Amino acid sequence: MNLNNDCSCGCNTKVTDMAKANKCPVCNSEGISVGKVTVEHLVAESHRKDIAGDCYKICMNEDCEVVYYNLDNGTTFLKDQVSVPIWFKKDANPKYACYCSKVTEEQIIEAVVKHGAKTVKEVNAITGAMKTSNCKENNPLGVCCHKIIQEAIDKGLAMEYLEFGEK
């Protein structure tokens, strides 16, 4: 039996390297895979020429300046090298929950606290979130923002509970 030690995504990472394959080269935090199309759309125009390779990760550490990295070729893109603020990074402004419709976490919390929204569907109706969707290109993770919106709703509900008690 011939065992192939290569990663199946095509990034040429050996299985023996998989333990370190997801780690940010600056902070050593675990990264999440992101499609090259996302990186191509969100890296600032002046840095797009530096995009090389296909296997990118996003550093999920809120304190780290690195947004995208590719361990195969050592490429990294920092917060100031991408065209949008990364909602989970410190000092993100604005803090988008829905990048496609440009709806902020603050707008979602307001929909919950001031307008009584409790579900993603209700928030979307009030804020216009998720009306246009091109998440693969617009969201820094390259995925649908539903989970981010739900997290913002949960924050709003927690604020509402702290302010007014159980309803």
Foldseek 3Di string as FASTA:
>chain_A
DDDDQADPVPQRDGVVCVVQQQADPPPGAGWAWAFLLQVCQWFDPVCNVVDDGTTKTAHQDQADQWGIAGPSVGDTAGQVRTDAFQQSHPPHPQNCLAQVLRHGLVLLLCCCQVVVDQAPVSSCVVGVGPVDDPQLHGHSRNDDSRVSSNVSSVVSVVVNCVVPNDD
